[in-house]
Amino acid sequence: MFKISEIIHEIDMRSGNRLKSECLGGAEHAVVTRFGPLEAAEADQVAFLAQKKYRDAAKQSRAGVLVISPEDREAMYGVSDPGRAVVVTANPYAWFAWAVQAMLHEPHESRGAMPGSFVDASAKVDPTATIEPGATVKAGAVIGSRTVVKAGAYVGEATVVGEDCILYPNVVIYHRCKIGSRVIIHSGAVIGADGFGFAPFMGEWVKIPQVGGVTIGDDVEIGANTTIDRGAIEDTVVGKGSKIDNQIQLGHNCRVGEHTVMAACTGVAGSTHIGSHCMIGGAAMINGHISIPDGCMVGPATSLMSWDPKARAMMGFFPAQEQRAFERSAVMVMNLSNMRKQIKALQAQVEALEKASADKA
């Protein structure tokens, strides 16, 4: 059971007092068990309205507490009393996110290095951290307070992991990487493998040792089976607050700014810089050695070879078609070069005829 006043207190703390809540109809005294969808929520549940098109559903909802924006309150109830428990907040979706965090939060239970784990004698593990059975912490590594290294996870030599982190089972962090505080890394992720660096020599490829590391800022989340390569000389960097989805590849020397989000299956080639507050759509393929400015967007499945400095968003893909239609379109695309030459020739002929006609006149 959760008291709304206590949830609001948690949201104030978690948001740094940036998301305020106004309680109407005695909402602060309400007690709920969990969130529910607008259409199915019961009297012991809380529901939120994130899109104005669902205002009618929200008014009819049986939820014990309704969370809405000031605009929705005005549209739904005007200045009158809503006649029910309502929380008014500038961003109901963010309110929901922090509220669920508060509901799911469990006090940290420190277990130290548990039997079956391996912690090198020279590693520094905070007494409040937990190293589960099967986990490995190598020489010179540092594990911060309340951090949990789950079964099968590996922390390499001289790697530093901050406070309140979670390394899920089978996460691998190579040597000399730096992980900030409150970082979540999901199962199968590999941080700090060698970047794809090879020098061509007489038809062969000579490996370039990758001597940089990886630096992950505070409050970053990294999805399952994502790989972030170490830098060739300097570190690969992911800025604080950024969220990296599942099955993403970040090449060596990439730099991702703060509070950027990247959806699943994106591939980013080496030495590309992505700014802060960017949004990268799923399965985007981003070329190396380019810079994407702060606040920009790359569309899903986009093949990005360069960045137009005037652009704020770039998108380019071939939408799926019925097979025969696609085959016809593909033939047209393959013939574009010849068609261009033919059009230029026709244009020249038209210009010559126009000139001849003008001369006769």
Protein backbone atom coordinates (compact mmCIF):
# COMPACT_ATOMS: atom_id res chain seq x y z
CA MET A 1 0.00 0.00 0.00
CA PHE A 2 1.31 3.43 -0.94
CA LYS A 3 0.17 6.78 0.38
CA ILE A 4 0.06 9.46 -2.32
CA SER A 5 1.68 12.03 -0.01
CA GLU A 6 4.64 9.69 0.48
CA ILE A 7 4.93 9.05 -3.26
CA ILE A 8 4.94 12.82 -3.86
CA HIS A 9 7.71 13.20 -1.30
CA GLU A 10 9.78 10.58 -3.16
CA ILE A 11 9.12 12.30 -6.48
CA ASP A 12 10.29 15.60 -5.02
CA MET A 13 13.56 13.98 -3.96
CA ARG A 14 14.12 12.01 -7.14
CA SER A 15 13.35 14.98 -9.39
CA GLY A 16 15.37 17.44 -7.35
CA ASN A 17 12.14 19.35 -6.65
CA ARG A 18 11.72 20.00 -10.38
CA LEU A 19 8.33 18.28 -10.71
CA LYS A 20 5.71 19.72 -8.39
CA SER A 21 2.38 18.13 -7.48
CA GLU A 22 -0.91 19.84 -6.58
CA CYS A 23 -3.42 17.66 -4.78
CA LEU A 24 -7.16 18.13 -5.24
CA GLY A 25 -10.08 16.32 -3.68
CA GLY A 26 -8.00 14.93 -0.80
CA ALA A 27 -5.58 13.11 -3.09
CA GLU A 28 -2.72 13.55 -0.63
CA HIS A 29 -4.53 11.27 1.85
CA ALA A 30 -5.36 8.55 -0.69
CA VAL A 31 -3.77 5.12 -0.41
CA VAL A 32 -3.21 3.03 -3.55
CA THR A 33 -1.78 -0.37 -4.38
CA ARG A 34 -0.39 0.25 -7.87
CA PHE A 35 -0.93 1.99 -11.21
CA GLY A 36 -3.66 0.89 -13.57
CA PRO A 37 -4.71 1.81 -17.14
CA LEU A 38 -7.36 4.51 -17.44
CA GLU A 39 -10.03 2.13 -18.73
CA ALA A 40 -9.47 -0.64 -16.19
CA ALA A 41 -8.15 1.07 -13.05
CA GLU A 42 -9.99 0.36 -9.80
CA ALA A 43 -10.58 2.45 -6.71
CA ASP A 44 -7.35 1.28 -5.06
CA GLN A 45 -5.24 2.26 -8.08
CA VAL A 46 -3.75 5.40 -9.57
CA ALA A 47 -3.94 6.23 -13.29
CA PHE A 48 -2.33 9.01 -15.33
CA LEU A 49 -3.30 10.91 -18.46
CA ALA A 50 -0.44 11.53 -20.89
CA GLN A 51 -2.35 12.43 -24.09
CA LYS A 52 -5.29 14.82 -24.41
CA LYS A 53 -7.16 12.50 -26.78
CA TYR A 54 -7.87 10.25 -23.76
CA ARG A 55 -9.50 12.98 -21.65
CA ASP A 56 -12.95 11.38 -21.91
CA ALA A 57 -11.55 8.04 -20.78
CA ALA A 58 -9.85 9.79 -17.87
CA LYS A 59 -13.06 11.49 -16.73
CA GLN A 60 -14.85 8.14 -16.81
CA SER A 61 -12.00 6.23 -15.15
CA ARG A 62 -12.76 4.53 -11.83
CA ALA A 63 -9.19 5.08 -10.62
CA GLY A 64 -8.93 6.15 -7.01
CA VAL A 65 -6.43 8.87 -7.96
CA LEU A 66 -6.05 10.54 -11.35
CA VAL A 67 -2.81 12.29 -12.37
CA ILE A 68 -3.27 15.01 -15.01
CA SER A 69 -1.60 18.15 -16.35
CA PRO A 70 -2.81 21.72 -15.67
CA GLU A 71 -4.06 21.93 -19.29
CA ASP A 72 -6.04 18.71 -18.87
CA ARG A 73 -7.50 19.92 -15.59
CA GLU A 74 -8.75 23.12 -17.23
CA ALA A 75 -10.17 21.23 -20.21
CA MET A 76 -11.81 18.52 -18.10
CA TYR A 77 -13.00 20.39 -15.02
CA GLY A 78 -12.43 24.11 -15.59
CA VAL A 79 -12.16 25.97 -12.29
CA SER A 80 -14.69 23.74 -10.53
CA ASP A 81 -13.89 21.04 -8.02
CA PRO A 82 -13.21 17.78 -9.92
CA GLY A 83 -15.17 15.86 -7.29
CA ARG A 84 -12.52 13.19 -7.03
CA ALA A 85 -8.89 12.73 -5.94
CA VAL A 86 -6.68 14.36 -8.56
CA VAL A 87 -2.97 15.17 -8.70
CA VAL A 88 -2.07 18.01 -11.06
CA THR A 89 1.51 18.07 -12.34
CA ALA A 90 3.33 19.56 -15.32
CA ASN A 91 4.41 16.16 -16.67
CA PRO A 92 2.17 13.21 -15.72
CA TYR A 93 4.34 10.75 -17.66
CA ALA A 94 7.47 11.68 -15.70
CA TRP A 95 5.38 11.67 -12.50
CA PHE A 96 4.35 8.10 -13.33
CA ALA A 97 7.98 7.08 -13.99
CA TRP A 98 9.28 8.41 -10.67
CA ALA A 99 6.23 7.10 -8.79
CA VAL A 100 6.82 3.56 -10.07
CA GLN A 101 10.49 3.85 -9.08
CA ALA A 102 9.36 4.79 -5.57
CA MET A 103 6.87 1.92 -5.43
CA LEU A 104 9.41 -0.66 -6.56
CA HIS A 105 12.25 0.61 -4.41
CA GLU A 106 13.50 -1.88 -1.88
CA PRO A 107 16.03 -1.01 0.84
CA HIS A 108 19.52 -2.11 -0.16
CA GLU A 109 20.67 -5.26 1.61
CA SER A 110 24.44 -5.48 1.69
CA ARG A 111 25.82 -9.00 1.34
CA GLY A 112 29.48 -8.25 0.59
CA ALA A 113 31.48 -10.76 -1.41
CA MET A 114 29.26 -13.83 -1.30
CA PRO A 115 30.58 -17.41 -1.33
CA GLY A 116 31.39 -18.48 -4.87
CA SER A 117 32.43 -15.01 -6.03
CA PHE A 118 36.03 -14.08 -6.81
CA VAL A 119 37.42 -10.77 -5.56
CA ASP A 120 41.13 -10.14 -6.01
CA ALA A 121 42.96 -9.21 -2.82
CA SER A 122 44.01 -5.86 -4.33
CA ALA A 123 40.47 -4.88 -5.35
CA LYS A 124 38.62 -2.32 -3.23
CA VAL A 125 35.01 -3.30 -2.64
CA ASP A 126 32.88 -1.06 -0.44
CA PRO A 127 31.49 -2.97 2.56
CA THR A 128 27.93 -2.10 1.49
CA ALA A 129 28.35 -3.55 -2.02
CA THR A 130 27.22 -7.02 -3.04
CA ILE A 131 29.26 -9.42 -5.20
CA GLU A 132 27.08 -12.39 -6.06
CA PRO A 133 28.26 -15.99 -6.58
CA GLY A 134 30.04 -16.46 -9.90
CA ALA A 135 30.93 -12.78 -10.23
CA THR A 136 34.57 -11.73 -10.69
CA VAL A 137 36.31 -8.55 -9.56
CA LYS A 138 39.90 -8.37 -10.78
CA ALA A 139 43.05 -6.76 -9.40
CA GLY A 140 42.91 -3.05 -8.62
CA ALA A 141 39.21 -2.73 -9.41
CA VAL A 142 37.03 -0.45 -7.27
CA ILE A 143 33.37 -1.16 -6.48
CA GLY A 144 31.38 1.69 -4.91
CA SER A 145 28.92 1.65 -2.06
CA ARG A 146 25.62 -0.23 -2.49
CA THR A 147 26.60 -1.43 -5.96
CA VAL A 148 25.46 -4.93 -6.93
CA VAL A 149 27.56 -7.14 -9.21
CA LYS A 150 25.29 -10.02 -10.12
CA ALA A 151 26.11 -13.64 -10.88
CA GLY A 152 28.53 -14.15 -13.74
CA ALA A 153 29.40 -10.48 -14.16
CA TYR A 154 33.07 -9.57 -14.69
CA VAL A 155 34.86 -6.38 -13.66
CA GLY A 156 38.34 -6.09 -15.14
CA GLU A 157 41.65 -4.87 -13.78
CA ALA A 158 41.74 -1.26 -12.50
CA THR A 159 38.14 -0.64 -13.53
CA VAL A 160 36.18 1.73 -11.29
CA VAL A 161 32.45 1.27 -10.72
CA GLY A 162 30.64 4.00 -8.80
CA GLU A 163 27.89 3.97 -6.18
CA ASP A 164 24.42 2.43 -6.46
CA CYS A 165 25.14 0.65 -9.74
CA ILE A 166 23.65 -2.62 -10.94
CA LEU A 167 25.65 -4.94 -13.18
CA TYR A 168 23.24 -7.64 -14.26
CA PRO A 169 24.29 -11.28 -14.87
CA ASN A 170 27.05 -11.83 -17.42
CA VAL A 171 27.91 -8.18 -17.90
CA VAL A 172 31.57 -7.87 -18.90
CA ILE A 173 33.56 -4.70 -18.20
CA TYR A 174 37.13 -4.90 -19.44
CA HIS A 175 40.19 -3.36 -17.78
CA ARG A 176 40.69 0.36 -17.02
CA CYS A 177 37.12 1.48 -17.59
CA LYS A 178 35.29 4.07 -15.49
CA ILE A 179 31.61 3.63 -14.63
CA GLY A 180 29.78 6.46 -12.85
CA SER A 181 27.19 6.24 -10.10
CA ARG A 182 23.63 4.91 -10.43
CA VAL A 183 24.51 3.20 -13.71
CA ILE A 184 22.46 0.19 -14.82
CA ILE A 185 24.07 -2.28 -17.24
CA HIS A 186 21.90 -5.14 -18.46
CA SER A 187 22.85 -8.74 -19.12
CA GLY A 188 25.27 -9.56 -21.90
CA ALA A 189 26.58 -6.04 -22.37
CA VAL A 190 30.31 -5.78 -23.07
CA ILE A 191 32.08 -2.57 -22.11
CA GLY A 192 35.66 -1.93 -23.20
CA ALA A 193 36.36 -4.61 -25.82
CA ASP A 194 38.97 -3.63 -28.40
CA GLY A 195 37.88 -1.17 -31.04
CA PHE A 196 38.01 -2.27 -34.68
CA GLY A 197 41.41 -0.78 -35.44
CA PHE A 198 43.70 -2.24 -38.11
CA ALA A 199 46.34 -0.67 -40.34
CA PRO A 200 46.54 -1.87 -43.98
CA PHE A 201 49.99 -3.16 -44.99
CA MET A 202 50.78 -5.00 -48.22
CA GLY A 203 47.38 -6.66 -48.43
CA GLU A 204 47.32 -7.53 -44.72
CA TRP A 205 45.76 -5.93 -41.65
CA VAL A 206 47.99 -5.01 -38.71
CA LYS A 207 46.20 -4.75 -35.35
CA ILE A 208 46.38 -1.36 -33.64
CA PRO A 209 46.44 -1.90 -29.88
CA GLN A 210 43.54 -0.07 -28.26
CA VAL A 211 45.06 1.67 -25.25
CA GLY A 212 42.17 3.96 -24.32
CA GLY A 213 39.28 2.97 -22.09
CA VAL A 214 35.56 3.63 -21.72
CA THR A 215 34.06 6.31 -19.48
CA ILE A 216 30.37 6.03 -18.58
CA GLY A 217 28.76 9.00 -16.80
CA ASP A 218 26.34 8.99 -13.88
CA ASP A 219 22.74 7.78 -14.33
CA VAL A 220 23.40 6.02 -17.63
CA GLU A 221 21.47 2.87 -18.55
CA ILE A 222 22.92 0.38 -21.04
CA GLY A 223 20.73 -2.31 -22.59
CA ALA A 224 21.24 -6.04 -22.95
CA ASN A 225 23.90 -7.26 -25.40
CA THR A 226 25.08 -3.75 -26.19
CA THR A 227 28.80 -3.33 -26.93
CA ILE A 228 30.83 -0.20 -26.30
CA ASP A 229 34.41 -0.43 -27.60
CA ARG A 230 37.36 1.09 -25.81
CA GLY A 231 39.17 3.99 -27.43
CA ALA A 232 42.30 3.62 -29.52
CA ILE A 233 44.15 6.31 -27.55
CA GLU A 234 41.53 8.36 -25.67
CA ASP A 235 38.42 6.98 -23.98
CA THR A 236 35.10 6.24 -25.62
CA VAL A 237 32.61 8.36 -23.62
CA VAL A 238 28.90 8.17 -22.80
CA GLY A 239 27.69 11.29 -20.98
CA LYS A 240 25.59 11.37 -17.84
CA GLY A 241 21.92 10.56 -18.05
CA SER A 242 22.08 8.98 -21.51
CA LYS A 243 20.05 5.84 -22.21
CA ILE A 244 21.45 3.22 -24.56
CA ASP A 245 19.00 0.49 -25.65
CA ASN A 246 19.62 -3.21 -26.37
CA GLN A 247 21.96 -4.54 -29.06
CA ILE A 248 23.70 -1.27 -29.87
CA GLN A 249 27.28 -0.97 -31.10
CA LEU A 250 29.37 2.09 -30.21
CA GLY A 251 32.73 2.04 -31.96
CA HIS A 252 36.04 3.18 -30.54
CA ASN A 253 36.51 6.87 -29.69
CA CYS A 254 32.79 7.63 -30.01
CA ARG A 255 31.49 10.35 -27.75
CA VAL A 256 27.83 10.51 -26.73
CA GLY A 257 26.68 13.61 -24.89
CA GLU A 258 24.43 13.97 -21.87
CA HIS A 259 20.79 12.82 -21.76
CA THR A 260 20.83 11.38 -25.26
CA VAL A 261 18.64 8.35 -26.07
CA MET A 262 19.49 5.64 -28.61
CA ALA A 263 16.99 2.96 -29.63
CA ALA A 264 17.81 -0.70 -30.23
CA CYS A 265 20.08 -2.07 -32.97
CA THR A 266 21.75 1.24 -33.73
CA GLY A 267 25.33 1.02 -34.99
CA VAL A 268 27.76 3.91 -34.58
CA ALA A 269 31.15 3.72 -36.29
CA GLY A 270 34.32 4.94 -34.62
CA SER A 271 35.17 8.55 -33.75
CA THR A 272 31.63 9.83 -34.22
CA HIS A 273 30.47 12.50 -31.80
CA ILE A 274 26.78 12.62 -30.87
CA GLY A 275 25.67 15.66 -28.90
CA SER A 276 23.58 16.03 -25.78
CA HIS A 277 19.77 15.68 -25.76
CA CYS A 278 19.78 13.85 -29.11
CA MET A 279 17.35 11.12 -30.15
CA ILE A 280 18.60 8.24 -32.30
CA GLY A 281 15.96 5.96 -33.84
CA GLY A 282 16.20 2.18 -33.84
CA ALA A 283 18.47 0.45 -36.35
CA ALA A 284 20.10 3.71 -37.44
CA MET A 285 23.50 3.17 -39.06
CA ILE A 286 25.81 6.11 -38.39
CA ASN A 287 29.08 6.57 -40.25
CA GLY A 288 32.36 7.30 -38.47
CA HIS A 289 34.15 10.62 -37.98
CA ILE A 290 31.04 12.79 -38.12
CA SER A 291 29.52 15.13 -35.53
CA ILE A 292 25.83 15.35 -34.69
CA PRO A 293 24.97 18.60 -32.86
CA ASP A 294 23.12 18.88 -29.55
CA GLY A 295 19.36 18.39 -29.66
CA CYS A 296 19.23 16.69 -33.05
CA MET A 297 17.35 13.60 -34.19
CA VAL A 298 18.26 10.68 -36.44
CA GLY A 299 15.29 8.72 -37.76
CA PRO A 300 14.87 4.94 -37.48
CA ALA A 301 16.68 2.73 -40.00
CA THR A 302 18.52 5.79 -41.31
CA SER A 303 21.85 5.29 -43.06
CA LEU A 304 23.72 8.43 -42.04
CA MET A 305 26.89 9.06 -44.04
CA SER A 306 27.37 12.74 -43.10
CA TRP A 307 25.56 15.51 -41.24
CA ASP A 308 24.03 18.52 -42.93
CA PRO A 309 25.10 21.43 -40.69
CA LYS A 310 21.74 23.16 -41.30
CA ALA A 311 19.69 20.12 -40.24
CA ARG A 312 18.07 19.45 -36.89
CA ALA A 313 16.75 16.05 -37.95
CA MET A 314 17.85 13.64 -40.65
CA MET A 315 15.98 10.58 -41.90
CA GLY A 316 16.37 8.35 -44.90
CA PHE A 317 15.11 4.84 -45.61
CA PHE A 318 13.25 2.93 -48.30
CA PRO A 319 9.79 1.99 -46.96
CA ALA A 320 8.70 -1.62 -47.43
CA GLN A 321 6.52 -2.40 -50.44
CA GLU A 322 4.82 -5.41 -51.98
CA GLN A 323 7.54 -7.53 -53.60
CA ARG A 324 6.79 -6.73 -57.25
CA ALA A 325 6.41 -3.02 -56.50
CA PHE A 326 9.74 -3.01 -54.69
CA GLU A 327 11.44 -4.79 -57.58
CA ARG A 328 10.14 -2.19 -60.02
CA SER A 329 11.29 0.61 -57.71
CA ALA A 330 14.72 -0.98 -57.37
CA VAL A 331 15.11 -1.15 -61.15
CA MET A 332 14.21 2.53 -61.38
CA VAL A 333 16.78 3.43 -58.71
CA MET A 334 19.48 1.46 -60.54
CA ASN A 335 18.67 3.34 -63.76
CA LEU A 336 18.72 6.80 -62.19
CA SER A 337 22.24 7.53 -63.46
CA ASN A 338 21.29 6.80 -67.07
CA MET A 339 18.01 8.66 -66.68
CA ARG A 340 19.92 11.69 -65.40
CA LYS A 341 22.16 11.67 -68.47
CA GLN A 342 19.12 11.36 -70.75
CA ILE A 343 17.33 14.25 -69.03
CA LYS A 344 20.41 16.47 -69.32
CA ALA A 345 20.66 15.61 -73.04
CA LEU A 346 16.98 16.40 -73.56
CA GLN A 347 17.37 19.63 -71.64
CA ALA A 348 20.25 20.65 -73.91
CA GLN A 349 18.15 19.84 -76.98
CA VAL A 350 15.22 21.90 -75.69
CA GLU A 351 17.52 24.85 -74.99
CA ALA A 352 19.00 24.58 -78.52
CA LEU A 353 15.51 24.52 -80.08
CA GLU A 354 14.41 27.50 -78.00
CA LYS A 355 17.51 29.44 -79.07
CA ALA A 356 16.95 28.56 -82.74
CA SER A 357 13.32 29.65 -82.48
CA ALA A 358 14.34 32.93 -80.87
CA ASP A 359 16.94 33.61 -83.60
CA LYS A 360 14.32 33.07 -86.35
CA ALA A 361 11.99 35.46 -84.64
